[in-house]
């Protein structure tokens, strides 16, 4: 996956099953299971099959301020 593809996915407010398949190289079933797992702890949207980007970041305890923002926002050239 290229940085541009990753940036396009995280430019939205939510992630879908298809997004998780692309990001993590999962099957449809595994991506759907992961979304349900994340929703057990974090569920800002309350929409079936979608999670908020921040829920993904919180679940995996990621530093969303650098990796998942655009290069310009993250302070990179």
PDB file of N, CA and C in Angstrom:
ATOM      1  N   UNK A   1       0.852  -1.176   0.000  1.00  0.00           N
ATOM      2  CA  UNK A   1       0.000   0.000   0.000  1.00  0.00           C
ATOM      3  C   UNK A   1       0.894   1.235   0.000  1.00  0.00           C
ATOM      4  N   UNK A   2       0.556   2.175  -0.846  1.00  0.00           N
ATOM      5  CA  UNK A   2       1.337   3.401  -0.918  1.00  0.00           C
ATOM      6  C   UNK A   2       0.866   4.390   0.145  1.00  0.00           C
ATOM      7  N   UNK A   3       1.714   5.381   0.393  1.00  0.00           N
ATOM      8  CA  UNK A   3       1.337   6.411   1.342  1.00  0.00           C
ATOM      9  C   UNK A   3       0.083   7.146   0.864  1.00  0.00           C
ATOM     10  N   UNK A   4      -0.006   7.390  -0.433  1.00  0.00           N
ATOM     11  CA  UNK A   4      -1.177   8.094  -0.991  1.00  0.00           C
ATOM     12  C   UNK A   4      -2.460   7.298  -0.751  1.00  0.00           C
ATOM     13  N   UNK A   5      -2.402   5.983  -0.914  1.00  0.00           N
ATOM     14  CA  UNK A   5      -3.582   5.139  -0.664  1.00  0.00           C
ATOM     15  C   UNK A   5      -3.963   5.180   0.810  1.00  0.00           C
ATOM     16  N   UNK A   6      -2.966   5.094   1.680  1.00  0.00           N
ATOM     17  CA  UNK A   6      -3.225   5.164   3.125  1.00  0.00           C
ATOM     18  C   UNK A   6      -3.820   6.521   3.490  1.00  0.00           C
ATOM     19  N   UNK A   7      -3.252   7.580   2.924  1.00  0.00           N
ATOM     20  CA  UNK A   7      -3.739   8.920   3.201  1.00  0.00           C
ATOM     21  C   UNK A   7      -5.190   9.080   2.747  1.00  0.00           C
ATOM     22  N   UNK A   8      -5.534   8.501   1.597  1.00  0.00           N
ATOM     23  CA  UNK A   8      -6.897   8.578   1.076  1.00  0.00           C
ATOM     24  C   UNK A   8      -7.873   7.868   2.011  1.00  0.00           C
ATOM     25  N   UNK A   9      -7.492   6.732   2.545  1.00  0.00           N
ATOM     26  CA  UNK A   9      -8.364   5.995   3.464  1.00  0.00           C
ATOM     27  C   UNK A   9      -8.579   6.793   4.745  1.00  0.00           C
ATOM     28  N   UNK A  10      -7.501   7.347   5.301  1.00  0.00           N
ATOM     29  CA  UNK A  10      -7.615   8.058   6.574  1.00  0.00           C
ATOM     30  C   UNK A  10      -8.107   9.492   6.424  1.00  0.00           C
ATOM     31  N   UNK A  11      -8.339   9.946   5.198  1.00  0.00           N
ATOM     32  CA  UNK A  11      -8.905  11.277   4.982  1.00  0.00           C
ATOM     33  C   UNK A  11     -10.388  11.303   5.333  1.00  0.00           C
ATOM     34  N   UNK A  12     -11.008  10.130   5.371  1.00  0.00           N
ATOM     35  CA  UNK A  12     -12.436  10.033   5.719  1.00  0.00           C
ATOM     36  C   UNK A  12     -12.589  10.019   7.247  1.00  0.00           C
ATOM     37  N   UNK A  13     -13.788  10.198   7.718  1.00  0.00           N
ATOM     38  CA  UNK A  13     -14.070  10.150   9.152  1.00  0.00           C
ATOM     39  C   UNK A  13     -14.261   8.725   9.663  1.00  0.00           C
ATOM     40  N   UNK A  14     -14.410   7.779   8.748  1.00  0.00           N
ATOM     41  CA  UNK A  14     -14.714   6.416   9.151  1.00  0.00           C
ATOM     42  C   UNK A  14     -13.921   5.423   8.307  1.00  0.00           C
ATOM     43  N   UNK A  15     -13.840   4.200   8.808  1.00  0.00           N
ATOM     44  CA  UNK A  15     -13.220   3.091   8.079  1.00  0.00           C
ATOM     45  C   UNK A  15     -14.273   2.014   7.869  1.00  0.00           C
ATOM     46  N   UNK A  16     -14.238   1.401   6.709  1.00  0.00           N
ATOM     47  CA  UNK A  16     -15.162   0.317   6.392  1.00  0.00           C
ATOM     48  C   UNK A  16     -14.431  -1.021   6.440  1.00  0.00           C
ATOM     49  N   UNK A  17     -15.190  -2.075   6.270  1.00  0.00           N
ATOM     50  CA  UNK A  17     -14.599  -3.415   6.194  1.00  0.00           C
ATOM     51  C   UNK A  17     -13.590  -3.461   5.048  1.00  0.00           C
ATOM     52  N   UNK A  18     -13.953  -2.896   3.907  1.00  0.00           N
ATOM     53  CA  UNK A  18     -13.043  -2.883   2.745  1.00  0.00           C
ATOM     54  C   UNK A  18     -11.761  -2.109   3.055  1.00  0.00           C
ATOM     55  N   UNK A  19     -11.881  -1.013   3.811  1.00  0.00           N
ATOM     56  CA  UNK A  19     -10.695  -0.241   4.182  1.00  0.00           C
ATOM     57  C   UNK A  19      -9.745  -1.086   5.030  1.00  0.00           C
ATOM     58  N   UNK A  20     -10.288  -1.806   5.999  1.00  0.00           N
ATOM     59  CA  UNK A  20      -9.445  -2.654   6.847  1.00  0.00           C
ATOM     60  C   UNK A  20      -8.829  -3.793   6.056  1.00  0.00           C
ATOM     61  N   UNK A  21      -9.573  -4.313   5.082  1.00  0.00           N
ATOM     62  CA  UNK A  21      -9.005  -5.342   4.205  1.00  0.00           C
ATOM     63  C   UNK A  21      -7.764  -4.789   3.503  1.00  0.00           C
ATOM     64  N   UNK A  22      -7.865  -3.592   2.962  1.00  0.00           N
ATOM     65  CA  UNK A  22      -6.753  -2.981   2.241  1.00  0.00           C
ATOM     66  C   UNK A  22      -5.601  -2.628   3.178  1.00  0.00           C
ATOM     67  N   UNK A  23      -5.915  -2.015   4.313  1.00  0.00           N
ATOM     68  CA  UNK A  23      -4.881  -1.571   5.247  1.00  0.00           C
ATOM     69  C   UNK A  23      -4.079  -2.723   5.832  1.00  0.00           C
ATOM     70  N   UNK A  24      -4.790  -3.780   6.211  1.00  0.00           N
ATOM     71  CA  UNK A  24      -4.157  -4.853   6.970  1.00  0.00           C
ATOM     72  C   UNK A  24      -4.010  -6.153   6.198  1.00  0.00           C
ATOM     73  N   UNK A  25      -4.479  -6.190   4.967  1.00  0.00           N
ATOM     74  CA  UNK A  25      -4.368  -7.402   4.167  1.00  0.00           C
ATOM     75  C   UNK A  25      -5.216  -8.545   4.694  1.00  0.00           C
ATOM     76  N   UNK A  26      -6.403  -8.220   5.178  1.00  0.00           N
ATOM     77  CA  UNK A  26      -7.298  -9.210   5.770  1.00  0.00           C
ATOM     78  C   UNK A  26      -8.341  -9.691   4.764  1.00  0.00           C
ATOM     79  N   UNK A  27      -8.909 -10.845   5.051  1.00  0.00           N
ATOM     80  CA  UNK A  27     -10.066 -11.300   4.294  1.00  0.00           C
ATOM     81  C   UNK A  27     -11.275 -10.487   4.752  1.00  0.00           C
ATOM     82  N   UNK A  28     -12.364 -10.574   3.989  1.00  0.00           N
ATOM     83  CA  UNK A  28     -13.592  -9.867   4.371  1.00  0.00           C
ATOM     84  C   UNK A  28     -14.038 -10.295   5.770  1.00  0.00           C
ATOM     85  N   UNK A  29     -14.045 -11.592   6.003  1.00  0.00           N
ATOM     86  CA  UNK A  29     -14.503 -12.123   7.287  1.00  0.00           C
ATOM     87  C   UNK A  29     -13.632 -11.631   8.441  1.00  0.00           C
ATOM     88  N   UNK A  30     -12.330 -11.651   8.264  1.00  0.00           N
ATOM     89  CA  UNK A  30     -11.420 -11.204   9.324  1.00  0.00           C
ATOM     90  C   UNK A  30     -11.569  -9.711   9.583  1.00  0.00           C
ATOM     91  N   UNK A  31     -11.743  -8.917   8.523  1.00  0.00           N
ATOM     92  CA  UNK A  31     -11.922  -7.468   8.677  1.00  0.00           C
ATOM     93  C   UNK A  31     -13.241  -7.168   9.393  1.00  0.00           C
ATOM     94  N   UNK A  32     -14.294  -7.894   9.066  1.00  0.00           N
ATOM     95  CA  UNK A  32     -15.585  -7.702   9.731  1.00  0.00           C
ATOM     96  C   UNK A  32     -15.491  -8.078  11.208  1.00  0.00           C
ATOM     97  N   UNK A  33     -14.783  -9.147  11.497  1.00  0.00           N
ATOM     98  CA  UNK A  33     -14.574  -9.559  12.888  1.00  0.00           C
ATOM     99  C   UNK A  33     -13.792  -8.494  13.647  1.00  0.00           C
ATOM    100  N   UNK A  34     -12.772  -7.923  13.019  1.00  0.00           N
ATOM    101  CA  UNK A  34     -11.987  -6.880  13.665  1.00  0.00           C
ATOM    102  C   UNK A  34     -12.835  -5.648  13.954  1.00  0.00           C
ATOM    103  N   UNK A  35     -13.685  -5.268  13.022  1.00  0.00           N
ATOM    104  CA  UNK A  35     -14.569  -4.118  13.272  1.00  0.00           C
ATOM    105  C   UNK A  35     -15.475  -4.399  14.468  1.00  0.00           C
ATOM    106  N   UNK A  36     -16.029  -5.589  14.543  1.00  0.00           N
ATOM    107  CA  UNK A  36     -16.884  -5.933  15.690  1.00  0.00           C
ATOM    108  C   UNK A  36     -16.080  -5.908  16.991  1.00  0.00           C
ATOM    109  N   UNK A  37     -14.849  -6.363  16.950  1.00  0.00           N
ATOM    110  CA  UNK A  37     -13.987  -6.349  18.132  1.00  0.00           C
ATOM    111  C   UNK A  37     -13.703  -4.917  18.574  1.00  0.00           C
ATOM    112  N   UNK A  38     -13.382  -4.058  17.638  1.00  0.00           N
ATOM    113  CA  UNK A  38     -13.129  -2.650  17.961  1.00  0.00           C
ATOM    114  C   UNK A  38     -14.382  -2.007  18.537  1.00  0.00           C
ATOM    115  N   UNK A  39     -15.538  -2.316  17.962  1.00  0.00           N
ATOM    116  CA  UNK A  39     -16.805  -1.726  18.410  1.00  0.00           C
ATOM    117  C   UNK A  39     -17.156  -2.123  19.852  1.00  0.00           C
ATOM    118  N   UNK A  40     -16.639  -3.241  20.322  1.00  0.00           N
ATOM    119  CA  UNK A  40     -16.916  -3.627  21.713  1.00  0.00           C
ATOM    120  C   UNK A  40     -16.292  -2.645  22.705  1.00  0.00           C
ATOM    121  N   UNK A  41     -15.199  -2.004  22.302  1.00  0.00           N
ATOM    122  CA  UNK A  41     -14.517  -1.053  23.177  1.00  0.00           C
ATOM    123  C   UNK A  41     -14.754   0.398  22.776  1.00  0.00           C
ATOM    124  N   UNK A  42     -14.858   0.634  21.484  1.00  0.00           N
ATOM    125  CA  UNK A  42     -14.989   1.998  20.962  1.00  0.00           C
ATOM    126  C   UNK A  42     -16.039   2.000  19.861  1.00  0.00           C
ATOM    127  N   UNK A  43     -17.019   2.879  19.978  1.00  0.00           N
ATOM    128  CA  UNK A  43     -18.045   2.940  18.928  1.00  0.00           C
ATOM    129  C   UNK A  43     -18.680   4.319  18.884  1.00  0.00           C
ATOM    130  N   UNK A  44     -17.972   5.255  18.322  1.00  0.00           N
ATOM    131  CA  UNK A  44     -18.473   6.623  18.214  1.00  0.00           C
ATOM    132  C   UNK A  44     -19.597   6.758  17.189  1.00  0.00           C
ATOM    133  N   UNK A  45     -19.569   5.943  16.146  1.00  0.00           N
ATOM    134  CA  UNK A  45     -20.520   6.096  15.050  1.00  0.00           C
ATOM    135  C   UNK A  45     -21.841   5.366  15.252  1.00  0.00           C
ATOM    136  N   UNK A  46     -21.800   4.195  15.828  1.00  0.00           N
ATOM    137  CA  UNK A  46     -22.989   3.356  15.975  1.00  0.00           C
ATOM    138  C   UNK A  46     -23.605   3.038  14.613  1.00  0.00           C
ATOM    139  N   UNK A  47     -22.737   2.753  13.628  1.00  0.00           N
ATOM    140  CA  UNK A  47     -23.180   2.380  12.292  1.00  0.00           C
ATOM    141  C   UNK A  47     -22.572   1.026  11.954  1.00  0.00           C
ATOM    142  N   UNK A  48     -23.413   0.097  11.580  1.00  0.00           N
ATOM    143  CA  UNK A  48     -22.953  -1.252  11.277  1.00  0.00           C
ATOM    144  C   UNK A  48     -21.936  -1.246  10.128  1.00  0.00           C
ATOM    145  N   UNK A  49     -20.833  -1.962  10.320  1.00  0.00           N
ATOM    146  CA  UNK A  49     -19.833  -2.117   9.271  1.00  0.00           C
ATOM    147  C   UNK A  49     -18.865  -0.959   9.130  1.00  0.00           C
ATOM    148  N   UNK A  50     -18.960   0.046  10.018  1.00  0.00           N
ATOM    149  CA  UNK A  50     -18.073   1.202   9.960  1.00  0.00           C
ATOM    150  C   UNK A  50     -17.604   1.559  11.353  1.00  0.00           C
ATOM    151  N   UNK A  51     -16.352   2.021  11.423  1.00  0.00           N
ATOM    152  CA  UNK A  51     -15.833   2.543  12.684  1.00  0.00           C
ATOM    153  C   UNK A  51     -15.224   3.913  12.419  1.00  0.00           C
ATOM    154  N   UNK A  52     -15.247   4.751  13.415  1.00  0.00           N
ATOM    155  CA  UNK A  52     -14.621   6.062  13.308  1.00  0.00           C
ATOM    156  C   UNK A  52     -13.106   5.869  13.279  1.00  0.00           C
ATOM    157  N   UNK A  53     -12.406   6.706  12.531  1.00  0.00           N
ATOM    158  CA  UNK A  53     -10.945   6.607  12.440  1.00  0.00           C
ATOM    159  C   UNK A  53     -10.319   6.685  13.837  1.00  0.00           C
ATOM    160  N   UNK A  54     -10.849   7.558  14.687  1.00  0.00           N
ATOM    161  CA  UNK A  54     -10.291   7.693  16.031  1.00  0.00           C
ATOM    162  C   UNK A  54     -10.475   6.419  16.846  1.00  0.00           C
ATOM    163  N   UNK A  55     -11.562   5.678  16.613  1.00  0.00           N
ATOM    164  CA  UNK A  55     -11.752   4.396  17.297  1.00  0.00           C
ATOM    165  C   UNK A  55     -10.653   3.417  16.905  1.00  0.00           C
ATOM    166  N   UNK A  56     -10.285   3.400  15.633  1.00  0.00           N
ATOM    167  CA  UNK A  56      -9.195   2.547  15.138  1.00  0.00           C
ATOM    168  C   UNK A  56      -7.882   2.938  15.818  1.00  0.00           C
ATOM    169  N   UNK A  57      -7.604   4.229  15.853  1.00  0.00           N
ATOM    170  CA  UNK A  57      -6.374   4.730  16.460  1.00  0.00           C
ATOM    171  C   UNK A  57      -6.335   4.407  17.950  1.00  0.00           C
ATOM    172  N   UNK A  58      -7.453   4.613  18.639  1.00  0.00           N
ATOM    173  CA  UNK A  58      -7.519   4.317  20.070  1.00  0.00           C
ATOM    174  C   UNK A  58      -7.361   2.825  20.342  1.00  0.00           C
ATOM    175  N   UNK A  59      -8.016   1.991  19.552  1.00  0.00           N
ATOM    176  CA  UNK A  59      -7.971   0.544  19.759  1.00  0.00           C
ATOM    177  C   UNK A  59      -6.543   0.015  19.657  1.00  0.00           C
ATOM    178  N   UNK A  60      -5.823   0.475  18.650  1.00  0.00           N
ATOM    179  CA  UNK A  60      -4.456  -0.010  18.446  1.00  0.00           C
ATOM    180  C   UNK A  60      -3.416   0.837  19.177  1.00  0.00           C
ATOM    181  N   UNK A  61      -3.892   1.824  19.953  1.00  0.00           N
ATOM    182  CA  UNK A  61      -3.018   2.703  20.730  1.00  0.00           C
ATOM    183  C   UNK A  61      -1.929   3.314  19.854  1.00  0.00           C
ATOM    184  N   UNK A  62      -2.378   3.878  18.723  1.00  0.00           N
ATOM    185  CA  UNK A  62      -1.463   4.475  17.751  1.00  0.00           C
ATOM    186  C   UNK A  62      -1.320   5.964  17.994  1.00  0.00           C
ATOM    187  N   UNK A  63      -0.235   6.520  17.518  1.00  0.00           N
ATOM    188  CA  UNK A  63      -0.040   7.958  17.547  1.00  0.00           C
ATOM    189  C   UNK A  63      -0.630   8.524  16.265  1.00  0.00           C
ATOM    190  N   UNK A  64      -1.880   8.846  16.285  1.00  0.00           N
ATOM    191  CA  UNK A  64      -2.583   9.297  15.098  1.00  0.00           C
ATOM    192  C   UNK A  64      -2.168  10.671  14.622  1.00  0.00           C
ATOM    193  N   UNK A  65      -1.491  11.435  15.464  1.00  0.00           N
ATOM    194  CA  UNK A  65      -1.134  12.790  15.077  1.00  0.00           C
ATOM    195  C   UNK A  65       0.004  12.837  14.065  1.00  0.00           C
ATOM    196  N   UNK A  66       0.743  11.755  13.891  1.00  0.00           N
ATOM    197  CA  UNK A  66       1.841  11.794  12.935  1.00  0.00           C
ATOM    198  C   UNK A  66       1.653  10.813  11.784  1.00  0.00           C
ATOM    199  N   UNK A  67       1.334   9.591  12.073  1.00  0.00           N
ATOM    200  CA  UNK A  67       1.299   8.576  11.024  1.00  0.00           C
ATOM    201  C   UNK A  67       0.090   8.692  10.109  1.00  0.00           C
ATOM    202  N   UNK A  68      -1.043   9.107  10.641  1.00  0.00           N
ATOM    203  CA  UNK A  68      -2.281   9.032   9.879  1.00  0.00           C
ATOM    204  C   UNK A  68      -2.777  10.381   9.371  1.00  0.00           C
ATOM    205  N   UNK A  69      -1.982  11.421   9.548  1.00  0.00           N
ATOM    206  CA  UNK A  69      -2.309  12.710   8.970  1.00  0.00           C
ATOM    207  C   UNK A  69      -1.528  12.888   7.682  1.00  0.00           C
ATOM    208  N   UNK A  70      -1.939  13.842   6.877  1.00  0.00           N
ATOM    209  CA  UNK A  70      -1.204  14.092   5.644  1.00  0.00           C
ATOM    210  C   UNK A  70       0.208  14.538   5.976  1.00  0.00           C
ATOM    211  N   UNK A  71       1.106  14.414   5.020  1.00  0.00           N
ATOM    212  CA  UNK A  71       2.494  14.788   5.235  1.00  0.00           C
ATOM    213  C   UNK A  71       2.619  16.254   5.650  1.00  0.00           C
ATOM    214  N   UNK A  72       1.837  17.125   5.050  1.00  0.00           N
ATOM    215  CA  UNK A  72       1.906  18.543   5.399  1.00  0.00           C
ATOM    216  C   UNK A  72       1.434  18.790   6.818  1.00  0.00           C
ATOM    217  N   UNK A  73       0.368  18.136   7.224  1.00  0.00           N
ATOM    218  CA  UNK A  73      -0.141  18.305   8.579  1.00  0.00           C
ATOM    219  C   UNK A  73       0.812  17.716   9.610  1.00  0.00           C
ATOM    220  N   UNK A  74       1.512  16.663   9.237  1.00  0.00           N
ATOM    221  CA  UNK A  74       2.422  15.999  10.164  1.00  0.00           C
ATOM    222  C   UNK A  74       3.778  16.692  10.221  1.00  0.00           C
ATOM    223  N   UNK A  75       3.981  17.750   9.428  1.00  0.00           N
ATOM    224  CA  UNK A  75       5.214  18.488   9.459  1.00  0.00           C
ATOM    225  C   UNK A  75       6.320  17.927   8.579  1.00  0.00           C
ATOM    226  N   UNK A  76       5.983  17.045   7.654  1.00  0.00           N
ATOM    227  CA  UNK A  76       6.973  16.480   6.755  1.00  0.00           C
ATOM    228  C   UNK A  76       6.986  17.278   5.461  1.00  0.00           C
ATOM    229  N   UNK A  77       8.107  17.308   4.753  1.00  0.00           N
ATOM    230  CA  UNK A  77       8.175  18.065   3.476  1.00  0.00           C
ATOM    231  C   UNK A  77       7.299  17.494   2.388  1.00  0.00           C
TER     232      UNK A  77
END
